[in-house]
N, C-alpha and C. Protein backbone atom coordinates (compact mmCIF):
# COMPACT_ATOMS: atom_id res chain seq x y z
N MET A 1 27.07 280.90 116.27
CA MET A 1 27.39 280.30 114.99
C MET A 1 28.31 279.11 115.24
N PRO A 2 28.03 277.94 114.67
CA PRO A 2 28.88 276.78 114.87
C PRO A 2 30.22 276.97 114.16
N PRO A 3 31.28 276.33 114.63
CA PRO A 3 32.59 276.50 114.03
C PRO A 3 32.63 276.17 112.54
N SER A 4 31.80 275.26 112.07
CA SER A 4 31.87 274.86 110.66
C SER A 4 31.46 275.97 109.71
N THR A 5 30.85 277.03 110.21
CA THR A 5 30.47 278.12 109.33
C THR A 5 31.24 279.40 109.65
N SER A 6 32.35 279.25 110.34
CA SER A 6 33.16 280.41 110.67
C SER A 6 33.61 281.13 109.42
N ARG A 7 33.78 282.41 109.54
CA ARG A 7 34.06 283.27 108.40
C ARG A 7 35.40 282.98 107.75
N ARG A 8 36.48 282.85 108.52
CA ARG A 8 37.79 282.68 107.92
C ARG A 8 38.48 281.38 108.34
N SER A 9 38.15 280.88 109.50
CA SER A 9 38.84 279.67 109.93
C SER A 9 37.90 278.77 110.71
N ALA A 10 38.19 277.51 110.62
CA ALA A 10 37.40 276.50 111.32
C ALA A 10 38.30 275.31 111.56
N PRO A 11 37.92 274.42 112.47
CA PRO A 11 38.77 273.27 112.76
C PRO A 11 39.11 272.42 111.54
N MET A 12 38.28 272.43 110.53
CA MET A 12 38.51 271.54 109.40
C MET A 12 38.85 272.31 108.12
N ASP A 13 39.51 273.48 108.26
CA ASP A 13 39.94 274.22 107.07
C ASP A 13 40.79 273.30 106.19
N GLN A 14 40.79 273.58 104.90
CA GLN A 14 41.61 272.78 104.01
C GLN A 14 42.55 273.67 103.21
N GLN A 15 43.76 273.19 103.02
CA GLN A 15 44.74 273.90 102.22
C GLN A 15 44.38 273.73 100.75
N ALA A 16 44.77 274.70 99.96
CA ALA A 16 44.60 274.62 98.51
C ALA A 16 45.92 275.02 97.87
N ARG A 17 46.20 274.45 96.71
CA ARG A 17 47.39 274.86 95.95
C ARG A 17 46.94 275.95 94.99
N VAL A 18 47.57 277.11 95.11
CA VAL A 18 47.18 278.27 94.31
C VAL A 18 48.41 278.89 93.67
N THR A 19 48.26 279.27 92.42
CA THR A 19 49.27 280.10 91.77
C THR A 19 48.59 281.34 91.23
N LEU A 20 49.27 282.46 91.41
CA LEU A 20 48.85 283.73 90.81
C LEU A 20 49.88 284.09 89.76
N ASP A 21 49.46 284.15 88.51
CA ASP A 21 50.39 284.44 87.41
C ASP A 21 51.60 283.52 87.45
N GLY A 22 51.36 282.25 87.79
CA GLY A 22 52.41 281.24 87.79
C GLY A 22 53.24 281.18 89.06
N ARG A 23 52.99 282.07 90.02
CA ARG A 23 53.74 282.08 91.28
C ARG A 23 52.91 281.44 92.38
N PRO A 24 53.47 280.45 93.10
CA PRO A 24 52.70 279.80 94.16
C PRO A 24 52.45 280.74 95.34
N VAL A 25 51.26 280.64 95.92
CA VAL A 25 50.91 281.38 97.14
C VAL A 25 50.19 280.41 98.08
N GLN A 26 50.30 280.67 99.37
CA GLN A 26 49.61 279.86 100.37
C GLN A 26 48.13 280.23 100.38
N ALA A 27 47.27 279.23 100.48
CA ALA A 27 45.83 279.48 100.51
C ALA A 27 45.14 278.46 101.39
N THR A 28 44.08 278.91 102.04
CA THR A 28 43.26 278.05 102.88
C THR A 28 41.81 278.31 102.55
N LEU A 29 41.03 277.25 102.40
CA LEU A 29 39.59 277.36 102.25
C LEU A 29 38.95 277.02 103.58
N ASN A 30 37.91 277.76 103.96
CA ASN A 30 37.23 277.46 105.22
C ASN A 30 36.30 276.26 105.04
N ASN A 31 35.57 275.92 106.06
CA ASN A 31 34.73 274.73 106.04
C ASN A 31 33.25 275.07 105.85
N SER A 32 32.96 276.22 105.25
CA SER A 32 31.56 276.58 105.00
C SER A 32 31.00 275.72 103.88
N PRO A 33 29.67 275.57 103.81
CA PRO A 33 29.08 274.83 102.69
C PRO A 33 29.48 275.39 101.33
N ALA A 34 29.55 276.71 101.20
CA ALA A 34 29.92 277.32 99.92
C ALA A 34 31.37 276.99 99.58
N ALA A 35 32.27 277.01 100.57
CA ALA A 35 33.68 276.68 100.31
C ALA A 35 33.83 275.21 99.93
N ARG A 36 33.08 274.34 100.57
CA ARG A 36 33.14 272.92 100.20
C ARG A 36 32.61 272.71 98.78
N ASP A 37 31.55 273.44 98.40
CA ASP A 37 31.03 273.34 97.04
C ASP A 37 32.05 273.90 96.04
N PHE A 38 32.70 275.00 96.41
CA PHE A 38 33.75 275.57 95.56
C PHE A 38 34.86 274.54 95.34
N ALA A 39 35.26 273.83 96.39
CA ALA A 39 36.32 272.83 96.28
C ALA A 39 35.94 271.73 95.29
N GLU A 40 34.65 271.47 95.14
CA GLU A 40 34.19 270.45 94.17
C GLU A 40 34.47 270.88 92.73
N LEU A 41 34.64 272.19 92.48
CA LEU A 41 34.92 272.70 91.14
C LEU A 41 36.40 272.58 90.75
N LEU A 42 37.25 272.33 91.74
CA LEU A 42 38.69 272.34 91.49
C LEU A 42 39.12 271.13 90.70
N PRO A 43 40.12 271.26 89.85
CA PRO A 43 40.97 272.42 89.63
C PRO A 43 40.32 273.45 88.71
N LEU A 44 40.68 274.71 88.94
CA LEU A 44 40.19 275.82 88.13
C LEU A 44 41.34 276.73 87.74
N THR A 45 41.31 277.22 86.52
CA THR A 45 42.19 278.31 86.10
C THR A 45 41.27 279.40 85.57
N LEU A 46 41.41 280.59 86.16
CA LEU A 46 40.49 281.70 85.86
C LEU A 46 41.27 282.95 85.52
N ASP A 47 40.79 283.68 84.51
CA ASP A 47 41.33 284.99 84.19
C ASP A 47 40.66 286.01 85.11
N LEU A 48 41.47 286.92 85.66
CA LEU A 48 40.99 287.89 86.64
C LEU A 48 40.88 289.28 86.03
N GLU A 49 39.86 290.00 86.47
CA GLU A 49 39.66 291.39 86.07
C GLU A 49 39.52 292.24 87.33
N ASP A 50 39.88 293.51 87.21
CA ASP A 50 39.74 294.41 88.34
C ASP A 50 38.28 294.82 88.52
N PHE A 51 37.87 295.00 89.76
CA PHE A 51 36.53 295.48 90.06
C PHE A 51 36.63 296.51 91.17
N HIS A 52 36.28 297.74 90.85
CA HIS A 52 36.21 298.86 91.80
C HIS A 52 37.53 299.12 92.54
N SER A 53 38.65 298.81 91.92
CA SER A 53 39.97 299.03 92.54
C SER A 53 40.03 298.46 93.95
N THR A 54 39.32 297.34 94.15
CA THR A 54 39.25 296.70 95.47
C THR A 54 39.49 295.20 95.38
N GLU A 55 39.06 294.61 94.28
CA GLU A 55 39.11 293.16 94.16
C GLU A 55 39.38 292.74 92.73
N ARG A 56 39.89 291.52 92.60
CA ARG A 56 40.04 290.87 91.30
C ARG A 56 38.92 289.86 91.22
N VAL A 57 38.20 289.81 90.11
CA VAL A 57 37.04 288.94 90.00
C VAL A 57 37.15 288.03 88.77
N ALA A 58 36.41 286.91 88.85
CA ALA A 58 36.32 285.96 87.75
C ALA A 58 35.01 285.21 87.86
N ASP A 59 34.45 284.86 86.71
CA ASP A 59 33.23 284.06 86.70
C ASP A 59 33.57 282.60 86.98
N LEU A 60 32.70 281.96 87.76
CA LEU A 60 32.84 280.53 88.02
C LEU A 60 32.00 279.75 87.01
N PRO A 61 32.28 278.46 86.81
CA PRO A 61 31.53 277.67 85.84
C PRO A 61 30.07 277.46 86.22
N ARG A 62 29.76 277.59 87.52
CA ARG A 62 28.38 277.47 87.97
C ARG A 62 28.24 278.19 89.31
N LYS A 63 27.01 278.44 89.72
CA LYS A 63 26.76 279.05 91.03
C LYS A 63 27.03 278.03 92.12
N LEU A 64 27.42 278.53 93.29
CA LEU A 64 27.73 277.67 94.43
C LEU A 64 26.51 277.52 95.33
N ASP A 65 26.48 276.42 96.06
CA ASP A 65 25.46 276.20 97.08
C ASP A 65 25.80 277.10 98.26
N THR A 66 24.89 277.98 98.63
CA THR A 66 25.16 278.93 99.71
C THR A 66 24.30 278.68 100.94
N ASP A 67 23.67 277.53 101.02
CA ASP A 67 22.76 277.26 102.13
C ASP A 67 23.32 276.16 103.02
N PRO A 68 23.50 276.37 104.29
CA PRO A 68 23.25 277.61 105.00
C PRO A 68 24.45 278.55 104.88
N ALA A 69 24.18 279.81 104.77
CA ALA A 69 25.24 280.81 104.64
C ALA A 69 25.75 281.22 106.02
N PRO A 70 27.05 281.51 106.10
CA PRO A 70 27.58 282.00 107.37
C PRO A 70 27.09 283.42 107.64
N GLU A 71 27.32 283.90 108.84
CA GLU A 71 26.98 285.28 109.16
C GLU A 71 27.74 286.21 108.22
N PRO A 72 27.10 287.30 107.77
CA PRO A 72 27.80 288.25 106.90
C PRO A 72 29.05 288.81 107.56
N ALA A 73 30.09 289.00 106.76
CA ALA A 73 31.35 289.56 107.24
C ALA A 73 31.95 290.42 106.13
N ALA A 74 32.60 291.50 106.51
CA ALA A 74 33.29 292.35 105.54
C ALA A 74 34.58 291.65 105.10
N ALA A 75 34.86 291.69 103.81
CA ALA A 75 36.08 291.09 103.29
C ALA A 75 37.28 291.95 103.66
N THR A 76 38.41 291.28 103.88
CA THR A 76 39.67 291.97 104.15
C THR A 76 40.70 291.53 103.12
N VAL A 77 41.81 292.23 103.07
CA VAL A 77 42.87 291.94 102.10
C VAL A 77 43.25 290.46 102.17
N GLY A 78 43.25 289.81 101.01
CA GLY A 78 43.62 288.41 100.89
C GLY A 78 42.45 287.44 100.92
N ASP A 79 41.26 287.94 101.24
CA ASP A 79 40.11 287.04 101.30
C ASP A 79 39.70 286.54 99.93
N ILE A 80 39.33 285.27 99.89
CA ILE A 80 38.70 284.64 98.73
C ILE A 80 37.21 284.64 99.05
N ALA A 81 36.41 285.25 98.20
CA ALA A 81 34.98 285.38 98.50
C ALA A 81 34.16 285.01 97.28
N TYR A 82 32.89 284.80 97.53
CA TYR A 82 31.92 284.47 96.49
C TYR A 82 30.79 285.47 96.56
N TYR A 83 30.51 286.15 95.45
CA TYR A 83 29.40 287.09 95.40
C TYR A 83 28.22 286.36 94.77
N ALA A 84 27.28 285.95 95.62
CA ALA A 84 26.20 285.06 95.21
C ALA A 84 25.32 285.61 94.08
N PRO A 85 24.90 286.89 94.09
CA PRO A 85 24.00 287.34 93.01
C PRO A 85 24.60 287.19 91.61
N TRP A 86 25.89 287.39 91.47
CA TRP A 86 26.53 287.29 90.16
C TRP A 86 27.19 285.94 89.94
N GLY A 87 27.39 285.16 90.99
CA GLY A 87 28.04 283.86 90.86
C GLY A 87 29.52 283.95 90.55
N ASN A 88 30.19 285.00 91.06
CA ASN A 88 31.60 285.14 90.74
C ASN A 88 32.50 285.03 91.96
N LEU A 89 33.76 284.73 91.68
CA LEU A 89 34.80 284.67 92.68
C LEU A 89 35.40 286.05 92.81
N ALA A 90 35.70 286.47 94.04
CA ALA A 90 36.31 287.77 94.29
C ALA A 90 37.52 287.58 95.19
N LEU A 91 38.64 288.15 94.79
CA LEU A 91 39.88 288.11 95.56
C LEU A 91 40.19 289.54 95.97
N PHE A 92 40.12 289.82 97.25
CA PHE A 92 40.23 291.19 97.74
C PHE A 92 41.67 291.61 97.97
N TYR A 93 42.09 292.70 97.28
CA TYR A 93 43.41 293.27 97.52
C TYR A 93 43.31 294.59 98.28
N GLN A 94 42.10 295.01 98.58
CA GLN A 94 41.80 296.11 99.49
C GLN A 94 40.69 295.60 100.40
N ASP A 95 40.53 296.19 101.57
CA ASP A 95 39.42 295.79 102.42
C ASP A 95 38.11 296.06 101.69
N GLY A 96 37.16 295.16 101.82
CA GLY A 96 35.91 295.24 101.10
C GLY A 96 34.88 296.13 101.76
N PRO A 97 33.69 296.13 101.20
CA PRO A 97 32.59 296.95 101.73
C PRO A 97 32.07 296.38 103.04
N ALA A 98 31.06 297.02 103.57
CA ALA A 98 30.41 296.57 104.80
C ALA A 98 29.91 295.14 104.61
N PRO A 99 29.74 294.40 105.71
CA PRO A 99 29.24 293.03 105.61
C PRO A 99 27.94 292.95 104.81
N SER A 100 27.83 291.91 104.01
CA SER A 100 26.65 291.69 103.18
C SER A 100 26.34 290.19 103.14
N ALA A 101 25.07 289.85 103.23
CA ALA A 101 24.67 288.45 103.13
C ALA A 101 24.96 287.88 101.75
N ASP A 102 25.17 288.75 100.75
CA ASP A 102 25.45 288.30 99.38
C ASP A 102 26.91 287.91 99.16
N LEU A 103 27.80 288.32 100.07
CA LEU A 103 29.23 288.06 99.93
C LEU A 103 29.65 287.03 100.97
N LEU A 104 30.09 285.87 100.50
CA LEU A 104 30.47 284.79 101.41
C LEU A 104 31.98 284.59 101.33
N ILE A 105 32.63 284.63 102.49
CA ILE A 105 34.08 284.40 102.56
C ILE A 105 34.31 282.89 102.44
N LEU A 106 35.13 282.50 101.45
CA LEU A 106 35.44 281.09 101.21
C LEU A 106 36.79 280.68 101.80
N GLY A 107 37.67 281.64 101.96
CA GLY A 107 39.00 281.32 102.44
C GLY A 107 39.89 282.54 102.39
N HIS A 108 41.20 282.27 102.40
CA HIS A 108 42.16 283.37 102.47
C HIS A 108 43.44 283.00 101.73
N LEU A 109 44.01 284.00 101.04
CA LEU A 109 45.30 283.87 100.38
C LEU A 109 46.35 284.61 101.20
N ASP A 110 47.50 284.00 101.40
CA ASP A 110 48.60 284.64 102.10
C ASP A 110 49.49 285.28 101.03
N VAL A 111 49.11 286.51 100.64
CA VAL A 111 49.78 287.19 99.54
C VAL A 111 49.70 288.69 99.79
N SER A 112 50.65 289.43 99.24
CA SER A 112 50.62 290.88 99.41
C SER A 112 49.48 291.50 98.60
N ALA A 113 48.98 292.60 99.09
CA ALA A 113 47.92 293.33 98.38
C ALA A 113 48.40 293.73 97.00
N ASP A 114 49.67 294.12 96.88
CA ASP A 114 50.22 294.55 95.60
C ASP A 114 50.22 293.41 94.58
N GLN A 115 50.71 292.23 94.99
CA GLN A 115 50.74 291.08 94.07
C GLN A 115 49.32 290.69 93.67
N LEU A 116 48.42 290.66 94.62
CA LEU A 116 47.04 290.28 94.32
C LEU A 116 46.36 291.31 93.42
N GLY A 117 46.63 292.58 93.65
CA GLY A 117 46.01 293.64 92.85
C GLY A 117 46.45 293.65 91.40
N ARG A 118 47.62 293.07 91.11
CA ARG A 118 48.12 293.01 89.74
C ARG A 118 47.85 291.68 89.05
N ALA A 119 47.33 290.70 89.78
CA ALA A 119 47.16 289.34 89.25
C ALA A 119 46.21 289.30 88.05
N LYS A 120 46.60 288.56 87.05
CA LYS A 120 45.80 288.39 85.83
C LYS A 120 45.17 287.01 85.72
N ARG A 121 45.79 286.01 86.39
CA ARG A 121 45.30 284.64 86.27
C ARG A 121 45.58 283.89 87.57
N ILE A 122 44.59 283.09 87.97
CA ILE A 122 44.73 282.27 89.17
C ILE A 122 44.43 280.82 88.80
N THR A 123 45.23 279.93 89.35
CA THR A 123 44.96 278.49 89.26
C THR A 123 44.80 277.98 90.69
N ILE A 124 43.72 277.27 90.93
CA ILE A 124 43.41 276.74 92.25
C ILE A 124 43.20 275.24 92.12
N GLU A 125 43.92 274.49 92.95
CA GLU A 125 43.80 273.03 92.95
C GLU A 125 43.65 272.58 94.40
N ALA A 126 43.01 271.44 94.56
CA ALA A 126 42.93 270.84 95.89
C ALA A 126 44.31 270.38 96.28
N ALA A 127 44.67 270.63 97.53
CA ALA A 127 45.97 270.17 98.02
C ALA A 127 45.88 268.67 98.29
N PRO A 128 46.97 267.96 98.02
CA PRO A 128 46.96 266.51 98.25
C PRO A 128 46.85 266.17 99.72
C-alpha cells in the first residue's frame, strides 16, 4: 500500500482545528482520498449521537469520495472514521469492530475516551 493511503498517518498528514463541546483538541487528518474530500467540507459543526456505546456519530452534508479506498483497518480510540454505506462521520471512544472495507479511517483525535464518549458537538476547521 502506498504511503498516501496509510490508515492513520502519512507523510502529508494535515492538522485540523477541532473543538469538542467548545474545548480544543488536537486532530490530524490522513492523506487518503476520503480524508482529502472530507477536508473540502470544512468548516463543519455537527451534533453527535451515541452509537452502540462505541462511537459518536453525525451525518455529513454529502457522501465522500472513497475511491481508491485504503486497506480495511479496525478503528481504535480517537479515530475519526467514515462509514461509507450511511455516509456518516464516526468518532471512536472505544475500539471499533473488526476491519471493514465500509469503514475508512480519516484521521485521529488526541483526546481521552471519556471526553470523546460524552461529546455532544464537534466543530472541525482546516488548520491555517
